[in-house]
Amino acid sequence: MSTIDKFNKNIMHTYGRYPLVMESGKDRRCKDENGKSYIDFGSGIGTNSLGYCNDKWVDAVCNQAKQLQHSSNYYYTRVQADFADLLCNTTGYSKVFFGNSGAEANECAIKIARKYSFDKYGKNRHNIITLVNSFHGRTICTLSATGQDVFHNYFFPFVDGFINVEANNIDDLKDKLDGSVCAVMIEYIQGEGGVNALNQDFVDAIFSLCQQKDVLVIADEVQTGVGRTGKFLAGEHFGKKANIVTLAKGLAGGVPIGACLADEKCADVLCAGTHGSTFGGNPLACAGGTAVLETVTADGFLQNVTEKSEFIRSELLKIDEVQSLSGIGLMIGISLKTKKAADVVKAALDEGLLLLTAKEKIRLLPPLTIDKQEIQEGVAILRKLLEV
């Protein structure tokens, strides 16, 4: 029985998978079980931030596995304390809660916002504004927060208390930001929604109105954070710091992790018994995360990400079929003139290139460590497919 047949026999069909069986990887390339090599422009949907099996990351995770693989959160571990200290110092936030995914991090953020408001104002101030085309996770609560009707099926009843506002529509925001709202939750760049960045004036309006009304701002940086845009947090491009920010994906370089960071205003909202996670702050994840943070925050690394993003964008715009580009840094959406993104992504597999889609666009989330030669090789394959 083939790997794919065995997979399909025993694993629920919750994903639309491509016929590729990954076997190994190193740096920015992976190999399938037949030995074919691929340049990776997707990095596990932005999760393998340092590429495959980065030496520093491997050493950190393996050394930790030899020492302590797990501990209940009834106890303390040095690796979690050190990682939290590094993460808080890097981001400027006061405290962090560790979970296992972006959805968990967003659940934590929602609970903080609602408890903050309940503690201060009592009941009936629990609504959270999210944006049309947003995506915040696949739990029942984070699906409810997601502003895409396509996800609001099958699993009724959904969690109430979420109000959708059209992205970049300040009037819509003003109309709906009433006394029932405790938080506004945004992605600075809507990844699953099409790799679309918010407008500066809309972001400014969110922060101004929320400050006036003592409404918290939650920034979902699960996909945009940890250097993806050339800044450690995408909010830095907008000159803003949300009360709560969520991270996951690339934070631990491939080990499951989620992080919910809170500023001084709401750092102590959650107390013993109000939230928890069996695997949150797992020593292996914290070791991997430390290796990622030390790499990404090293002198010149983020500037290098910016330079590579400018290079790949300039190369992509030379392709006639490319209509426009969206996103910031190494988070890129490619709008095509005539071809369908899904068809191009599928065809790219045969040529040894891994791509992603987002709505009608090709989406690129290459490892932050990708070099210019690999960019040129990948773009050359993409050009070949688009100019047919």
Protein backbone atom coordinates (compact mmCIF):
# COMPACT_ATOMS: atom_id res chain seq x y z
CA MET A 1 0.00 0.00 0.00
CA SER A 2 1.36 3.40 -0.95
CA THR A 3 1.94 6.12 1.63
CA ILE A 4 -0.91 8.19 0.22
CA ASP A 5 -3.32 5.22 0.22
CA LYS A 6 -2.39 4.36 3.81
CA PHE A 7 -2.79 8.02 4.75
CA ASN A 8 -6.22 8.28 3.19
CA LYS A 9 -7.34 5.00 4.76
CA ASN A 10 -6.58 6.06 8.31
CA ILE A 11 -6.62 9.87 8.51
CA MET A 12 -9.72 12.06 8.30
CA HIS A 13 -10.02 13.91 5.00
CA THR A 14 -10.05 17.41 6.48
CA TYR A 15 -7.53 18.87 4.03
CA GLY A 16 -7.34 19.19 0.28
CA ARG A 17 -3.89 17.67 -0.12
CA TYR A 18 -1.48 17.69 -3.04
CA PRO A 19 0.01 14.34 -4.15
CA LEU A 20 3.38 14.97 -2.51
CA VAL A 21 4.84 12.82 0.29
CA MET A 22 7.49 14.84 2.12
CA GLU A 23 10.43 12.79 3.35
CA SER A 24 13.16 15.22 4.43
CA GLY A 25 14.29 18.82 4.27
CA LYS A 26 17.33 21.02 4.74
CA ASP A 27 17.46 24.80 4.65
CA ARG A 28 14.97 26.00 2.00
CA ARG A 29 14.56 22.75 0.10
CA CYS A 30 12.73 19.52 0.83
CA LYS A 31 12.63 16.10 -0.79
CA ASP A 32 9.73 13.75 -1.38
CA GLU A 33 9.86 10.00 -0.76
CA ASN A 34 11.13 9.46 -4.30
CA GLY A 35 14.07 11.82 -3.82
CA LYS A 36 12.71 14.72 -5.89
CA SER A 37 13.80 18.13 -4.58
CA TYR A 38 11.59 21.20 -4.14
CA ILE A 39 12.31 24.86 -3.43
CA ASP A 40 9.89 25.89 -0.70
CA PHE A 41 8.14 29.25 -1.13
CA GLY A 42 5.52 28.33 1.50
CA SER A 43 7.54 27.20 4.57
CA GLY A 44 4.69 25.13 5.98
CA ILE A 45 2.34 28.16 5.74
CA GLY A 46 4.97 30.39 7.32
CA THR A 47 5.86 27.97 10.12
CA ASN A 48 9.36 26.83 9.13
CA SER A 49 10.63 30.36 9.59
CA LEU A 50 14.29 29.29 9.55
CA GLY A 51 13.72 26.71 6.82
CA TYR A 52 14.11 22.96 7.27
CA CYS A 53 16.31 21.58 10.04
CA ASN A 54 18.27 24.77 10.71
CA ASP A 55 21.41 23.67 12.59
CA LYS A 56 20.97 26.00 15.56
CA TRP A 57 17.29 25.09 15.88
CA VAL A 58 17.98 21.34 15.62
CA ASP A 59 20.67 21.51 18.30
CA ALA A 60 18.38 23.46 20.64
CA VAL A 61 15.42 21.08 20.28
CA CYS A 62 17.53 17.90 20.43
CA ASN A 63 19.49 19.05 23.46
CA GLN A 64 16.25 19.92 25.23
CA ALA A 65 14.73 16.54 24.31
CA LYS A 66 17.67 14.85 26.02
CA GLN A 67 17.11 16.89 29.18
CA LEU A 68 13.34 17.36 29.72
CA GLN A 69 10.61 16.90 27.10
CA HIS A 70 7.58 17.92 29.18
CA SER A 71 6.54 19.19 32.57
CA SER A 72 3.14 19.95 33.99
CA ASN A 73 2.42 23.65 34.36
CA TYR A 74 2.03 23.01 38.08
CA TYR A 75 5.81 23.41 38.07
CA TYR A 76 8.35 25.86 36.72
CA THR A 77 10.97 25.28 34.02
CA ARG A 78 13.98 27.43 33.27
CA VAL A 79 13.58 27.06 29.49
CA GLN A 80 10.05 28.52 29.61
CA ALA A 81 11.14 31.34 31.91
CA ASP A 82 14.07 32.24 29.66
CA PHE A 83 11.98 32.08 26.49
CA ALA A 84 9.21 34.23 27.98
CA ASP A 85 11.79 36.77 29.13
CA LEU A 86 13.32 36.94 25.66
CA LEU A 87 9.92 37.18 23.95
CA CYS A 88 8.61 39.91 26.25
CA ASN A 89 11.83 41.91 25.94
CA THR A 90 11.74 41.56 22.15
CA THR A 91 8.13 42.68 21.79
CA GLY A 92 7.81 45.11 24.71
CA TYR A 93 4.84 43.26 26.21
CA SER A 94 4.44 42.64 29.92
CA LYS A 95 3.37 38.99 30.13
CA VAL A 96 2.67 36.01 27.91
CA PHE A 97 0.45 32.92 27.98
CA PHE A 98 1.72 29.91 26.02
CA GLY A 99 -0.54 27.52 24.13
CA ASN A 100 -0.10 25.27 21.12
CA SER A 101 -1.52 27.10 18.08
CA GLY A 102 -2.75 30.38 16.69
CA ALA A 103 -6.34 29.42 17.41
CA GLU A 104 -5.47 28.79 21.06
CA ALA A 105 -3.63 32.09 21.27
CA ASN A 106 -6.67 33.87 19.85
CA GLU A 107 -9.01 32.07 22.27
CA CYS A 108 -6.83 33.37 25.09
CA ALA A 109 -6.96 36.91 23.70
CA ILE A 110 -10.77 36.75 23.49
CA LYS A 111 -11.00 35.58 27.09
CA ILE A 112 -8.68 38.34 28.30
CA ALA A 113 -10.71 41.00 26.50
CA ARG A 114 -14.04 39.77 27.86
CA LYS A 115 -12.77 39.33 31.42
CA TYR A 116 -11.09 42.74 31.37
CA SER A 117 -14.40 44.32 30.47
CA PHE A 118 -16.41 42.17 32.88
CA ASP A 119 -14.10 42.98 35.79
CA LYS A 120 -14.31 46.71 35.09
CA TYR A 121 -17.80 47.25 33.67
CA GLY A 122 -19.83 44.12 34.46
CA LYS A 123 -22.00 42.12 32.07
CA ASN A 124 -23.28 43.04 28.58
CA ARG A 125 -20.02 44.61 27.34
CA HIS A 126 -18.69 41.48 25.69
CA ASN A 127 -18.93 41.99 21.91
CA ILE A 128 -15.76 41.86 19.84
CA ILE A 129 -15.46 43.54 16.45
CA THR A 130 -13.61 41.53 13.80
CA LEU A 131 -13.15 42.34 10.13
CA VAL A 132 -14.80 40.98 7.02
CA ASN A 133 -12.37 38.52 5.35
CA SER A 134 -10.53 37.91 8.61
CA PHE A 135 -9.39 34.48 9.73
CA HIS A 136 -8.68 33.66 13.37
CA GLY A 137 -8.75 29.85 13.68
CA ARG A 138 -10.85 26.69 13.45
CA THR A 139 -12.17 26.20 16.97
CA ILE A 140 -15.87 27.01 17.35
CA CYS A 141 -15.06 30.35 18.99
CA THR A 142 -12.35 31.46 16.57
CA LEU A 143 -14.47 30.34 13.61
CA SER A 144 -17.22 32.54 15.03
CA ALA A 145 -14.74 35.42 15.17
CA THR A 146 -13.65 34.79 11.58
CA GLY A 147 -15.31 37.25 9.20
CA GLN A 148 -15.91 34.89 6.28
CA ASP A 149 -19.37 33.38 5.75
CA VAL A 150 -17.88 30.32 4.05
CA PHE A 151 -16.66 29.12 7.46
CA HIS A 152 -20.01 29.62 9.18
CA ASN A 153 -21.58 26.32 8.24
CA TYR A 154 -22.28 22.87 9.71
CA PHE A 155 -21.24 23.49 13.31
CA PHE A 156 -24.23 25.40 14.62
CA PRO A 157 -24.76 27.07 16.97
CA PHE A 158 -21.75 29.33 16.68
CA VAL A 159 -20.53 31.49 19.56
CA ASP A 160 -22.28 34.86 19.65
CA GLY A 161 -20.73 38.19 20.53
CA PHE A 162 -18.81 38.91 17.31
CA ILE A 163 -19.60 41.83 15.02
CA ASN A 164 -18.04 42.14 11.55
CA VAL A 165 -16.84 45.46 10.17
CA GLU A 166 -15.72 46.00 6.59
CA ALA A 167 -11.94 46.39 6.44
CA ASN A 168 -10.80 49.97 5.80
CA ASN A 169 -14.34 51.33 6.27
CA ILE A 170 -14.06 53.88 9.07
CA ASP A 171 -17.75 54.80 8.99
CA ASP A 172 -18.74 51.15 9.44
CA LEU A 173 -16.35 50.94 12.38
CA LYS A 174 -17.80 54.04 14.01
CA ASP A 175 -21.37 52.80 13.57
CA LYS A 176 -20.68 49.45 15.25
CA LEU A 177 -18.23 50.44 17.97
CA ASP A 178 -20.89 51.03 20.60
CA GLY A 179 -21.12 50.48 24.34
CA SER A 180 -21.49 46.71 23.94
CA VAL A 181 -17.98 46.28 22.51
CA CYS A 182 -15.01 45.24 24.63
CA ALA A 183 -12.38 44.75 21.89
CA VAL A 184 -11.52 45.14 18.22
CA MET A 185 -9.56 42.23 16.74
CA ILE A 186 -7.55 42.75 13.56
CA GLU A 187 -4.92 41.27 11.27
CA TYR A 188 -2.72 44.04 9.90
CA ILE A 189 -2.45 41.89 6.78
CA GLN A 190 -5.32 39.50 6.14
CA GLY A 191 -3.46 36.35 5.13
CA GLU A 192 -6.15 33.77 4.41
CA GLY A 193 -8.38 36.62 3.30
CA GLY A 194 -6.15 37.46 0.33
CA VAL A 195 -2.86 38.90 1.67
CA ASN A 196 -4.37 42.37 1.97
CA ALA A 197 -2.86 44.99 4.26
CA LEU A 198 -5.08 47.41 6.14
CA ASN A 199 -4.91 51.12 5.32
CA GLN A 200 -3.00 53.32 7.73
CA ASP A 201 -5.93 55.68 8.29
CA PHE A 202 -8.20 52.77 9.20
CA VAL A 203 -5.66 51.42 11.71
CA ASP A 204 -5.26 54.92 13.14
CA ALA A 205 -9.03 55.19 13.55
CA ILE A 206 -9.23 51.83 15.35
CA PHE A 207 -6.60 52.76 17.91
CA SER A 208 -7.96 56.28 18.42
CA LEU A 209 -11.57 55.20 18.93
CA CYS A 210 -10.61 52.27 21.15
CA GLN A 211 -8.45 54.46 23.36
CA GLN A 212 -11.34 56.91 23.80
CA LYS A 213 -13.78 54.16 24.77
CA ASP A 214 -11.42 51.92 26.83
CA VAL A 215 -11.86 49.17 24.24
CA LEU A 216 -8.94 46.79 23.83
CA VAL A 217 -7.17 46.23 20.50
CA ILE A 218 -6.18 42.64 19.72
CA ALA A 219 -3.67 42.10 16.90
CA ASP A 220 -3.70 38.61 15.41
CA GLU A 221 -0.09 38.31 14.21
CA VAL A 222 -0.13 34.54 13.89
CA GLN A 223 0.94 34.80 10.26
CA THR A 224 2.47 38.31 10.18
CA GLY A 225 4.65 38.14 13.29
CA VAL A 226 8.19 36.96 14.04
CA GLY A 227 9.88 38.90 11.24
CA ARG A 228 7.64 37.83 8.37
CA THR A 229 7.14 41.44 7.20
CA GLY A 230 10.66 42.69 7.87
CA LYS A 231 9.70 43.92 11.35
CA PHE A 232 9.35 41.57 14.30
CA LEU A 233 5.67 42.57 14.54
CA ALA A 234 3.69 43.87 11.57
CA GLY A 235 2.16 46.53 13.83
CA GLU A 236 5.53 48.29 13.77
CA HIS A 237 4.90 49.20 10.11
CA PHE A 238 1.80 51.08 11.26
CA GLY A 239 3.42 52.63 14.34
CA LYS A 240 0.96 50.81 16.63
CA LYS A 241 1.13 48.48 19.60
CA ALA A 242 -2.05 46.56 20.38
CA ASN A 243 -3.06 45.77 23.96
CA ILE A 244 -2.91 42.07 23.09
CA VAL A 245 -0.96 40.36 20.31
CA THR A 246 -1.11 36.71 19.30
CA LEU A 247 1.73 34.72 17.72
CA ALA A 248 2.16 31.12 16.55
CA LYS A 249 3.30 29.61 13.20
CA GLY A 250 6.93 30.73 12.76
CA LEU A 251 7.54 31.45 16.46
CA ALA A 252 9.09 28.05 17.26
CA GLY A 253 10.34 27.14 13.78
CA GLY A 254 8.11 24.07 13.33
CA VAL A 255 7.29 22.91 16.86
CA PRO A 256 3.64 23.53 17.87
CA ILE A 257 3.29 26.77 19.84
CA GLY A 258 0.93 29.67 20.42
CA ALA A 259 1.59 32.83 22.41
CA CYS A 260 -0.78 35.50 23.68
CA LEU A 261 1.07 38.61 24.81
CA ALA A 262 -0.58 41.32 26.90
CA ASP A 263 0.48 44.85 27.80
CA GLU A 264 0.50 46.25 31.33
CA LYS A 265 -3.16 47.23 31.06
CA CYS A 266 -4.39 43.63 30.84
CA ALA A 267 -1.38 41.49 31.77
CA ASP A 268 -2.95 40.37 35.05
CA VAL A 269 -6.54 39.87 33.91
CA LEU A 270 -6.25 36.09 33.86
CA CYS A 271 -5.61 34.49 37.23
CA ALA A 272 -5.18 30.92 38.49
CA GLY A 273 -7.95 28.68 37.16
CA THR A 274 -9.23 31.03 34.44
CA HIS A 275 -7.17 29.54 31.60
CA GLY A 276 -4.74 26.71 30.95
CA SER A 277 -3.06 24.38 28.47
CA THR A 278 -1.49 20.97 29.11
CA PHE A 279 1.23 21.43 26.52
CA GLY A 280 1.50 25.22 26.69
CA GLY A 281 5.08 26.31 27.29
CA ASN A 282 6.34 22.84 26.43
CA PRO A 283 10.15 22.72 26.87
CA LEU A 284 10.76 21.55 23.28
CA ALA A 285 8.68 24.42 21.87
CA CYS A 286 10.40 26.94 24.12
CA ALA A 287 13.83 25.67 23.10
CA GLY A 288 12.90 25.91 19.42
CA GLY A 289 11.39 29.34 19.98
CA THR A 290 14.53 30.59 21.68
CA ALA A 291 16.62 29.52 18.69
CA VAL A 292 14.22 31.34 16.35
CA LEU A 293 14.17 34.54 18.41
CA GLU A 294 17.94 34.65 18.79
CA THR A 295 18.30 34.27 15.02
CA VAL A 296 15.59 36.71 13.96
CA THR A 297 16.67 39.44 16.41
CA ALA A 298 20.36 39.21 15.48
CA ASP A 299 21.86 42.38 13.99
CA GLY A 300 20.92 42.83 10.35
CA PHE A 301 18.58 39.84 10.06
CA LEU A 302 15.32 41.77 9.65
CA GLN A 303 16.96 44.30 7.35
CA ASN A 304 18.04 41.35 5.23
CA VAL A 305 14.43 40.10 5.17
CA THR A 306 13.36 43.51 3.87
CA GLU A 307 16.05 43.53 1.18
CA LYS A 308 15.08 40.03 0.02
CA SER A 309 11.41 40.98 -0.06
CA GLU A 310 12.21 43.97 -2.27
CA PHE A 311 14.28 41.74 -4.54
CA ILE A 312 11.64 39.03 -4.97
CA ARG A 313 8.96 41.64 -5.60
CA SER A 314 11.03 43.35 -8.28
CA GLU A 315 11.63 39.98 -9.96
CA LEU A 316 7.95 39.02 -9.84
CA LEU A 317 6.85 42.31 -11.39
CA LYS A 318 8.97 41.51 -14.45
CA ILE A 319 6.56 38.67 -15.28
CA ASP A 320 3.89 39.90 -17.70
CA GLU A 321 1.15 37.65 -16.28
CA VAL A 322 1.55 39.24 -12.83
CA GLN A 323 -1.07 41.93 -12.47
CA SER A 324 -0.19 43.20 -9.00
CA LEU A 325 1.39 42.28 -5.67
CA SER A 326 0.03 42.72 -2.16
CA GLY A 327 1.25 42.20 1.40
CA ILE A 328 4.38 43.39 3.17
CA GLY A 329 7.86 41.86 3.39
CA LEU A 330 8.06 38.13 2.70
CA MET A 331 4.28 37.83 2.90
CA ILE A 332 3.27 38.24 -0.73
CA GLY A 333 0.03 37.91 -2.64
CA ILE A 334 0.23 37.64 -6.45
CA SER A 335 -2.78 38.64 -8.53
CA LEU A 336 -2.72 37.15 -12.03
CA LYS A 337 -4.18 38.57 -15.22
CA THR A 338 -5.64 35.44 -16.81
CA LYS A 339 -4.47 32.25 -15.11
CA LYS A 340 -5.96 30.62 -12.03
CA ALA A 341 -3.74 30.57 -8.96
CA ALA A 342 -4.81 27.06 -7.95
CA ASP A 343 -3.80 25.68 -11.35
CA VAL A 344 -0.39 27.36 -11.15
CA VAL A 345 0.27 26.05 -7.64
CA LYS A 346 -0.57 22.51 -8.74
CA ALA A 347 1.59 22.74 -11.86
CA ALA A 348 4.50 24.11 -9.82
CA LEU A 349 4.80 20.80 -7.97
CA ASP A 350 5.92 19.08 -11.17
CA GLU A 351 8.58 21.75 -11.59
CA GLY A 352 9.92 21.43 -8.04
CA LEU A 353 8.42 24.53 -6.43
CA LEU A 354 6.06 24.72 -3.44
CA LEU A 355 3.54 27.58 -3.48
CA LEU A 356 0.36 28.52 -1.61
CA THR A 357 -2.94 30.19 -2.47
CA ALA A 358 -5.05 32.82 -0.71
CA LYS A 359 -8.45 33.43 -2.27
CA GLU A 360 -7.76 34.04 -5.98
CA LYS A 361 -4.05 34.84 -5.44
CA ILE A 362 -0.82 32.91 -5.33
CA ARG A 363 0.58 33.35 -1.84
CA LEU A 364 4.28 33.29 -0.98
CA LEU A 365 5.59 32.78 2.56
CA PRO A 366 9.18 31.63 1.98
CA PRO A 367 11.52 30.90 4.88
CA LEU A 368 13.01 34.09 6.28
CA THR A 369 16.45 32.60 5.59
CA ILE A 370 15.93 32.14 1.84
CA ASP A 371 18.76 33.54 -0.28
CA LYS A 372 18.69 35.46 -3.53
CA GLN A 373 19.84 32.53 -5.65
CA GLU A 374 16.94 30.43 -4.38
CA ILE A 375 14.59 33.33 -5.02
CA GLN A 376 15.83 33.55 -8.59
CA GLU A 377 15.43 29.80 -9.10
CA GLY A 378 11.90 29.82 -7.73
CA VAL A 379 10.85 32.89 -9.71
CA ALA A 380 12.29 31.34 -12.88
CA ILE A 381 10.02 28.31 -12.39
CA LEU A 382 7.07 30.58 -11.75
CA ARG A 383 7.87 32.61 -14.87
CA LYS A 384 8.01 29.44 -16.94
CA LEU A 385 4.54 28.44 -15.73
CA LEU A 386 3.01 31.88 -16.15
CA GLU A 387 4.39 32.58 -19.61
CA VAL A 388 3.10 29.35 -21.17
